[in-house]
PDB file of N, CA and C in Angstrom:
ATOM      1  N   MET A   1      -8.605  12.548   6.113  1.00  0.00           N
ATOM      2  CA  MET A   1      -7.116  11.697   5.710  1.00  0.00           C
ATOM      3  C   MET A   1      -7.377  11.660   4.201  1.00  0.00           C
ATOM      4  N   ALA A   2      -6.407  11.905   3.532  1.00  0.00           N
ATOM      5  CA  ALA A   2      -6.442  11.736   2.310  1.00  0.00           C
ATOM      6  C   ALA A   2      -6.605  10.450   1.814  1.00  0.00           C
ATOM      7  N   ALA A   3      -7.097  10.366   0.655  1.00  0.00           N
ATOM      8  CA  ALA A   3      -7.545   8.868  -0.048  1.00  0.00           C
ATOM      9  C   ALA A   3      -5.898   8.866  -1.072  1.00  0.00           C
ATOM     10  N   ILE A   4      -5.820   7.395  -1.250  1.00  0.00           N
ATOM     11  CA  ILE A   4      -4.714   7.143  -1.788  1.00  0.00           C
ATOM     12  C   ILE A   4      -4.967   6.571  -3.213  1.00  0.00           C
ATOM     13  N   THR A   5      -4.078   6.609  -3.853  1.00  0.00           N
ATOM     14  CA  THR A   5      -4.373   6.349  -5.249  1.00  0.00           C
ATOM     15  C   THR A   5      -3.081   4.917  -5.757  1.00  0.00           C
ATOM     16  N   LYS A   6      -3.284   4.804  -7.144  1.00  0.00           N
ATOM     17  CA  LYS A   6      -2.386   3.976  -7.503  1.00  0.00           C
ATOM     18  C   LYS A   6      -0.757   4.250  -7.265  1.00  0.00           C
ATOM     19  N   ASP A   7      -0.887   5.880  -7.566  1.00  0.00           N
ATOM     20  CA  ASP A   7       0.577   6.412  -7.742  1.00  0.00           C
ATOM     21  C   ASP A   7       1.193   6.564  -6.340  1.00  0.00           C
ATOM     22  N   THR A   8       0.001   6.380  -5.209  1.00  0.00           N
ATOM     23  CA  THR A   8       0.561   6.934  -4.065  1.00  0.00           C
ATOM     24  C   THR A   8       1.909   5.878  -3.444  1.00  0.00           C
ATOM     25  N   ILE A   9       2.812   6.273  -3.177  1.00  0.00           N
ATOM     26  CA  ILE A   9       3.964   5.605  -2.643  1.00  0.00           C
ATOM     27  C   ILE A   9       3.861   4.821  -1.307  1.00  0.00           C
ATOM     28  N   ILE A  10       4.202   3.789  -1.635  1.00  0.00           N
ATOM     29  CA  ILE A  10       3.983   2.703  -0.234  1.00  0.00           C
ATOM     30  C   ILE A  10       4.630   3.426   0.996  1.00  0.00           C
ATOM     31  N   GLY A  11       5.969   4.109   1.069  1.00  0.00           N
ATOM     32  CA  GLY A  11       6.378   4.855   2.582  1.00  0.00           C
ATOM     33  C   GLY A  11       5.433   5.719   2.546  1.00  0.00           C
ATOM     34  N   ASP A  12       4.888   6.531   1.766  1.00  0.00           N
ATOM     35  CA  ASP A  12       3.683   7.571   2.410  1.00  0.00           C
ATOM     36  C   ASP A  12       2.628   6.544   2.871  1.00  0.00           C
ATOM     37  N   ILE A  13       1.992   5.849   2.428  1.00  0.00           N
ATOM     38  CA  ILE A  13       0.771   5.188   2.721  1.00  0.00           C
ATOM     39  C   ILE A  13       1.095   4.356   4.319  1.00  0.00           C
ATOM     40  N   LEU A  14       2.299   4.118   4.408  1.00  0.00           N
ATOM     41  CA  LEU A  14       2.581   3.388   5.830  1.00  0.00           C
ATOM     42  C   LEU A  14       2.659   4.291   6.970  1.00  0.00           C
ATOM     43  N   ASP A  15       3.239   5.661   6.745  1.00  0.00           N
ATOM     44  CA  ASP A  15       3.531   7.024   7.224  1.00  0.00           C
ATOM     45  C   ASP A  15       2.082   7.527   7.677  1.00  0.00           C
ATOM     46  N   MET A  16       1.336   7.473   6.777  1.00  0.00           N
ATOM     47  CA  MET A  16      -0.014   8.110   6.917  1.00  0.00           C
ATOM     48  C   MET A  16      -0.583   7.098   7.929  1.00  0.00           C
ATOM     49  N   ASP A  17      -0.493   5.578   8.008  1.00  0.00           N
ATOM     50  CA  ASP A  17      -1.117   5.005   9.157  1.00  0.00           C
ATOM     51  C   ASP A  17      -0.628   3.343   8.948  1.00  0.00           C
ATOM     52  N   GLN A  18       0.413   3.269  10.068  1.00  0.00           N
ATOM     53  CA  GLN A  18       1.061   1.908  10.036  1.00  0.00           C
ATOM     54  C   GLN A  18       0.107   1.022   9.954  1.00  0.00           C
ATOM     55  N   GLY A  19      -1.133   0.983  10.358  1.00  0.00           N
ATOM     56  CA  GLY A  19      -1.728  -0.205  10.259  1.00  0.00           C
ATOM     57  C   GLY A  19      -2.461  -0.456   8.976  1.00  0.00           C
ATOM     58  N   THR A  20      -2.070  -0.114   7.905  1.00  0.00           N
ATOM     59  CA  THR A  20      -1.702  -0.416   6.367  1.00  0.00           C
ATOM     60  C   THR A  20      -0.895  -1.497   6.274  1.00  0.00           C
ATOM     61  N   ALA A  21       0.083  -1.700   7.303  1.00  0.00           N
ATOM     62  CA  ALA A  21       1.222  -2.950   6.573  1.00  0.00           C
ATOM     63  C   ALA A  21       0.544  -4.207   6.218  1.00  0.00           C
ATOM     64  N   PRO A  22      -0.705  -5.023   7.284  1.00  0.00           N
ATOM     65  CA  PRO A  22      -0.984  -5.880   6.811  1.00  0.00           C
ATOM     66  C   PRO A  22      -1.542  -6.336   5.488  1.00  0.00           C
ATOM     67  N   PHE A  23      -2.013  -5.072   5.167  1.00  0.00           N
ATOM     68  CA  PHE A  23      -2.447  -5.242   3.222  1.00  0.00           C
ATOM     69  C   PHE A  23      -1.217  -5.436   2.600  1.00  0.00           C
ATOM     70  N   PHE A  24       0.054  -4.998   2.907  1.00  0.00           N
ATOM     71  CA  PHE A  24       1.203  -5.281   2.029  1.00  0.00           C
ATOM     72  C   PHE A  24       1.787  -6.630   2.494  1.00  0.00           C
ATOM     73  N   LEU A  25       1.809  -6.929   3.676  1.00  0.00           N
ATOM     74  CA  LEU A  25       2.365  -8.548   4.166  1.00  0.00           C
ATOM     75  C   LEU A  25       1.303  -9.578   3.621  1.00  0.00           C
ATOM     76  N   ALA A  26       0.212  -9.293   3.500  1.00  0.00           N
ATOM     77  CA  ALA A  26      -0.464 -10.269   3.014  1.00  0.00           C
ATOM     78  C   ALA A  26      -0.376 -10.569   1.538  1.00  0.00           C
ATOM     79  N   MET A  27       0.226  -9.412   0.581  1.00  0.00           N
ATOM     80  CA  MET A  27       0.207  -9.583  -0.721  1.00  0.00           C
ATOM     81  C   MET A  27       1.849 -10.351  -0.888  1.00  0.00           C
ATOM     82  N   GLY A  28       2.349 -10.553  -0.027  1.00  0.00           N
ATOM     83  CA  GLY A  28       3.706 -10.946  -0.158  1.00  0.00           C
ATOM     84  C   GLY A  28       4.742  -9.853  -0.004  1.00  0.00           C
ATOM     85  N   MET A  29       4.357  -8.612   0.231  1.00  0.00           N
ATOM     86  CA  MET A  29       5.601  -7.322   0.532  1.00  0.00           C
ATOM     87  C   MET A  29       6.243  -7.741   2.109  1.00  0.00           C
ATOM     88  N   HIS A  30       7.389  -8.647   1.985  1.00  0.00           N
ATOM     89  CA  HIS A  30       7.636  -8.626   3.731  1.00  0.00           C
ATOM     90  C   HIS A  30       8.991  -7.550   3.854  1.00  0.00           C
ATOM     91  N   CYS A  31       9.267  -6.824   3.262  1.00  0.00           N
ATOM     92  CA  CYS A  31      10.619  -5.959   3.348  1.00  0.00           C
ATOM     93  C   CYS A  31       9.900  -4.610   3.443  1.00  0.00           C
ATOM     94  N   LEU A  32       8.930  -4.160   4.330  1.00  0.00           N
ATOM     95  CA  LEU A  32       8.697  -2.777   4.255  1.00  0.00           C
ATOM     96  C   LEU A  32       9.492  -1.605   4.726  1.00  0.00           C
ATOM     97  N   GLY A  33      10.429  -2.540   5.422  1.00  0.00           N
ATOM     98  CA  GLY A  33      11.328  -1.096   5.710  1.00  0.00           C
ATOM     99  C   GLY A  33      12.398  -0.935   4.742  1.00  0.00           C
ATOM    100  N   CYS A  34      12.349  -1.999   3.902  1.00  0.00           N
ATOM    101  CA  CYS A  34      13.656  -1.200   2.797  1.00  0.00           C
ATOM    102  C   CYS A  34      13.216  -0.328   2.188  1.00  0.00           C
ATOM    103  N   PRO A  35      14.349   0.419   1.561  1.00  0.00           N
ATOM    104  CA  PRO A  35      14.365   1.768   0.794  1.00  0.00           C
ATOM    105  C   PRO A  35      13.361   1.462  -0.340  1.00  0.00           C
ATOM    106  N   ALA A  36      13.640   0.216  -0.932  1.00  0.00           N
ATOM    107  CA  ALA A  36      13.523  -0.167  -2.342  1.00  0.00           C
ATOM    108  C   ALA A  36      11.832  -0.261  -2.335  1.00  0.00           C
ATOM    109  N   SER A  37      11.286  -1.060  -1.319  1.00  0.00           N
ATOM    110  CA  SER A  37       9.844  -1.252  -1.204  1.00  0.00           C
ATOM    111  C   SER A  37       9.347  -0.048  -0.670  1.00  0.00           C
ATOM    112  N   ARG A  38       9.532   1.089   0.015  1.00  0.00           N
ATOM    113  CA  ARG A  38       9.047   2.045   0.753  1.00  0.00           C
ATOM    114  C   ARG A  38       9.281   3.136  -0.372  1.00  0.00           C
ATOM    115  N   GLY A  39       9.684   2.898  -1.513  1.00  0.00           N
ATOM    116  CA  GLY A  39       9.977   3.805  -2.483  1.00  0.00           C
ATOM    117  C   GLY A  39       8.953   3.649  -3.953  1.00  0.00           C
ATOM    118  N   GLU A  40       8.310   2.741  -3.851  1.00  0.00           N
ATOM    119  CA  GLU A  40       7.344   1.991  -4.960  1.00  0.00           C
ATOM    120  C   GLU A  40       6.308   2.602  -5.100  1.00  0.00           C
ATOM    121  N   SER A  41       5.869   2.679  -5.997  1.00  0.00           N
ATOM    122  CA  SER A  41       4.147   3.278  -5.960  1.00  0.00           C
ATOM    123  C   SER A  41       3.585   1.941  -5.538  1.00  0.00           C
ATOM    124  N   LEU A  42       2.152   2.277  -5.173  1.00  0.00           N
ATOM    125  CA  LEU A  42       1.438   1.216  -4.712  1.00  0.00           C
ATOM    126  C   LEU A  42       0.785   0.097  -6.082  1.00  0.00           C
ATOM    127  N   GLU A  43       1.076   0.829  -7.382  1.00  0.00           N
ATOM    128  CA  GLU A  43       0.737   0.239  -8.439  1.00  0.00           C
ATOM    129  C   GLU A  43       1.813  -0.543  -8.908  1.00  0.00           C
ATOM    130  N   GLU A  44       3.057  -0.008  -8.543  1.00  0.00           N
ATOM    131  CA  GLU A  44       4.337  -0.994  -8.862  1.00  0.00           C
ATOM    132  C   GLU A  44       4.542  -2.061  -7.925  1.00  0.00           C
ATOM    133  N   ALA A  45       4.408  -1.966  -6.895  1.00  0.00           N
ATOM    134  CA  ALA A  45       4.220  -3.406  -6.110  1.00  0.00           C
ATOM    135  C   ALA A  45       3.181  -4.397  -6.353  1.00  0.00           C
ATOM    136  N   CYS A  46       2.003  -3.671  -6.589  1.00  0.00           N
ATOM    137  CA  CYS A  46       0.828  -4.886  -6.882  1.00  0.00           C
ATOM    138  C   CYS A  46       1.493  -5.543  -8.634  1.00  0.00           C
ATOM    139  N   MET A  47       1.828  -4.679  -9.228  1.00  0.00           N
ATOM    140  CA  MET A  47       2.426  -5.644 -10.653  1.00  0.00           C
ATOM    141  C   MET A  47       3.636  -6.769 -10.214  1.00  0.00           C
ATOM    142  N   VAL A  48       4.816  -6.584  -9.268  1.00  0.00           N
ATOM    143  CA  VAL A  48       5.558  -7.213  -8.785  1.00  0.00           C
ATOM    144  C   VAL A  48       5.203  -8.464  -8.436  1.00  0.00           C
ATOM    145  N   HIS A  49       4.099  -8.190  -7.322  1.00  0.00           N
ATOM    146  CA  HIS A  49       3.493  -9.393  -6.743  1.00  0.00           C
ATOM    147  C   HIS A  49       2.033  -9.821  -7.280  1.00  0.00           C
ATOM    148  N   GLY A  50       1.958  -9.538  -8.165  1.00  0.00           N
ATOM    149  CA  GLY A  50       0.496 -10.001  -8.935  1.00  0.00           C
ATOM    150  C   GLY A  50      -0.677  -9.767  -8.553  1.00  0.00           C
ATOM    151  N   VAL A  51      -0.872  -8.421  -7.962  1.00  0.00           N
ATOM    152  CA  VAL A  51      -2.248  -7.859  -7.048  1.00  0.00           C
ATOM    153  C   VAL A  51      -2.785  -7.092  -8.207  1.00  0.00           C
ATOM    154  N   ASN A  52      -4.101  -6.925  -7.886  1.00  0.00           N
ATOM    155  CA  ASN A  52      -5.083  -6.031  -8.637  1.00  0.00           C
ATOM    156  C   ASN A  52      -4.758  -4.846  -7.694  1.00  0.00           C
ATOM    157  N   ALA A  53      -4.209  -3.952  -8.602  1.00  0.00           N
ATOM    158  CA  ALA A  53      -4.093  -2.424  -7.628  1.00  0.00           C
ATOM    159  C   ALA A  53      -5.276  -1.850  -7.702  1.00  0.00           C
ATOM    160  N   ASP A  54      -6.384  -1.695  -8.450  1.00  0.00           N
ATOM    161  CA  ASP A  54      -7.707  -0.961  -8.105  1.00  0.00           C
ATOM    162  C   ASP A  54      -8.153  -1.800  -6.813  1.00  0.00           C
ATOM    163  N   LYS A  55      -8.165  -3.119  -6.636  1.00  0.00           N
ATOM    164  CA  LYS A  55      -8.827  -3.698  -5.564  1.00  0.00           C
ATOM    165  C   LYS A  55      -8.322  -3.253  -4.633  1.00  0.00           C
ATOM    166  N   LEU A  56      -6.868  -3.305  -4.245  1.00  0.00           N
ATOM    167  CA  LEU A  56      -6.042  -2.836  -2.964  1.00  0.00           C
ATOM    168  C   LEU A  56      -6.104  -1.443  -2.745  1.00  0.00           C
ATOM    169  N   VAL A  57      -6.272  -0.790  -3.706  1.00  0.00           N
ATOM    170  CA  VAL A  57      -6.844   0.806  -3.367  1.00  0.00           C
ATOM    171  C   VAL A  57      -7.956   0.921  -2.495  1.00  0.00           C
ATOM    172  N   GLY A  58      -9.142   0.334  -3.361  1.00  0.00           N
ATOM    173  CA  GLY A  58     -10.380   0.248  -2.691  1.00  0.00           C
ATOM    174  C   GLY A  58     -10.379  -0.360  -1.037  1.00  0.00           C
ATOM    175  N   GLU A  59      -9.346  -1.384  -0.992  1.00  0.00           N
ATOM    176  CA  GLU A  59      -9.453  -2.040   0.215  1.00  0.00           C
ATOM    177  C   GLU A  59      -8.838  -1.087   1.493  1.00  0.00           C
ATOM    178  N   ILE A  60      -7.827  -0.455   0.597  1.00  0.00           N
ATOM    179  CA  ILE A  60      -7.086   0.851   1.703  1.00  0.00           C
ATOM    180  C   ILE A  60      -7.468   1.797   2.387  1.00  0.00           C
ATOM    181  N   ASN A  61      -8.516   2.379   1.193  1.00  0.00           N
ATOM    182  CA  ASN A  61      -9.024   3.777   1.301  1.00  0.00           C
ATOM    183  C   ASN A  61     -10.291   3.168   2.140  1.00  0.00           C
ATOM    184  N   GLY A  62     -10.894   1.835   1.932  1.00  0.00           N
ATOM    185  CA  GLY A  62     -12.069   1.623   2.916  1.00  0.00           C
ATOM    186  C   GLY A  62     -11.562   1.372   4.453  1.00  0.00           C
ATOM    187  N   TYR A  63     -10.511   0.936   4.549  1.00  0.00           N
ATOM    188  CA  TYR A  63     -10.015   0.690   5.879  1.00  0.00           C
ATOM    189  C   TYR A  63      -9.614   2.349   6.498  1.00  0.00           C
ATOM    190  N   LEU A  64      -8.996   3.186   5.572  1.00  0.00           N
ATOM    191  CA  LEU A  64      -8.519   4.315   6.322  1.00  0.00           C
ATOM    192  C   LEU A  64      -9.939   5.232   6.770  1.00  0.00           C
ATOM    193  N   ALA A  65     -11.253   5.166   5.650  1.00  0.00           N
ATOM    194  CA  ALA A  65     -12.445   5.853   5.807  1.00  0.00           C
ATOM    195  C   ALA A  65     -12.999   5.404   7.303  1.00  0.00           C
ATOM    196  N   ASN A  66     -12.749   3.916   7.450  1.00  0.00           N
ATOM    197  CA  ASN A  66     -13.563   3.432   8.505  1.00  0.00           C
ATOM    198  C   ASN A  66     -12.443   3.653  10.378  1.00  0.00           C
ATOM    199  N   LYS A  67     -11.720   4.493  10.251  1.00  0.00           N
ATOM    200  CA  LYS A  67     -10.679   4.694  11.320  1.00  0.00           C
ATOM    201  C   LYS A  67     -11.707   5.573  12.128  1.00  0.00           C
TER     202      LYS A  67
END
């Protein structure tokens, strides 16, 4: 499975593995099915929600690597 980056689109991450949804829900991104949220990059979503993008990238990549 490919590693994600800050430029990866949220919808692509969710399509890769729906088990990543809790990471987004935890940061306050509750409308994961909305076209707008699915089309944002991980970095854009982090900026809106006040989350450190580098930290989230590491957490999600760690989750994906341990599957």
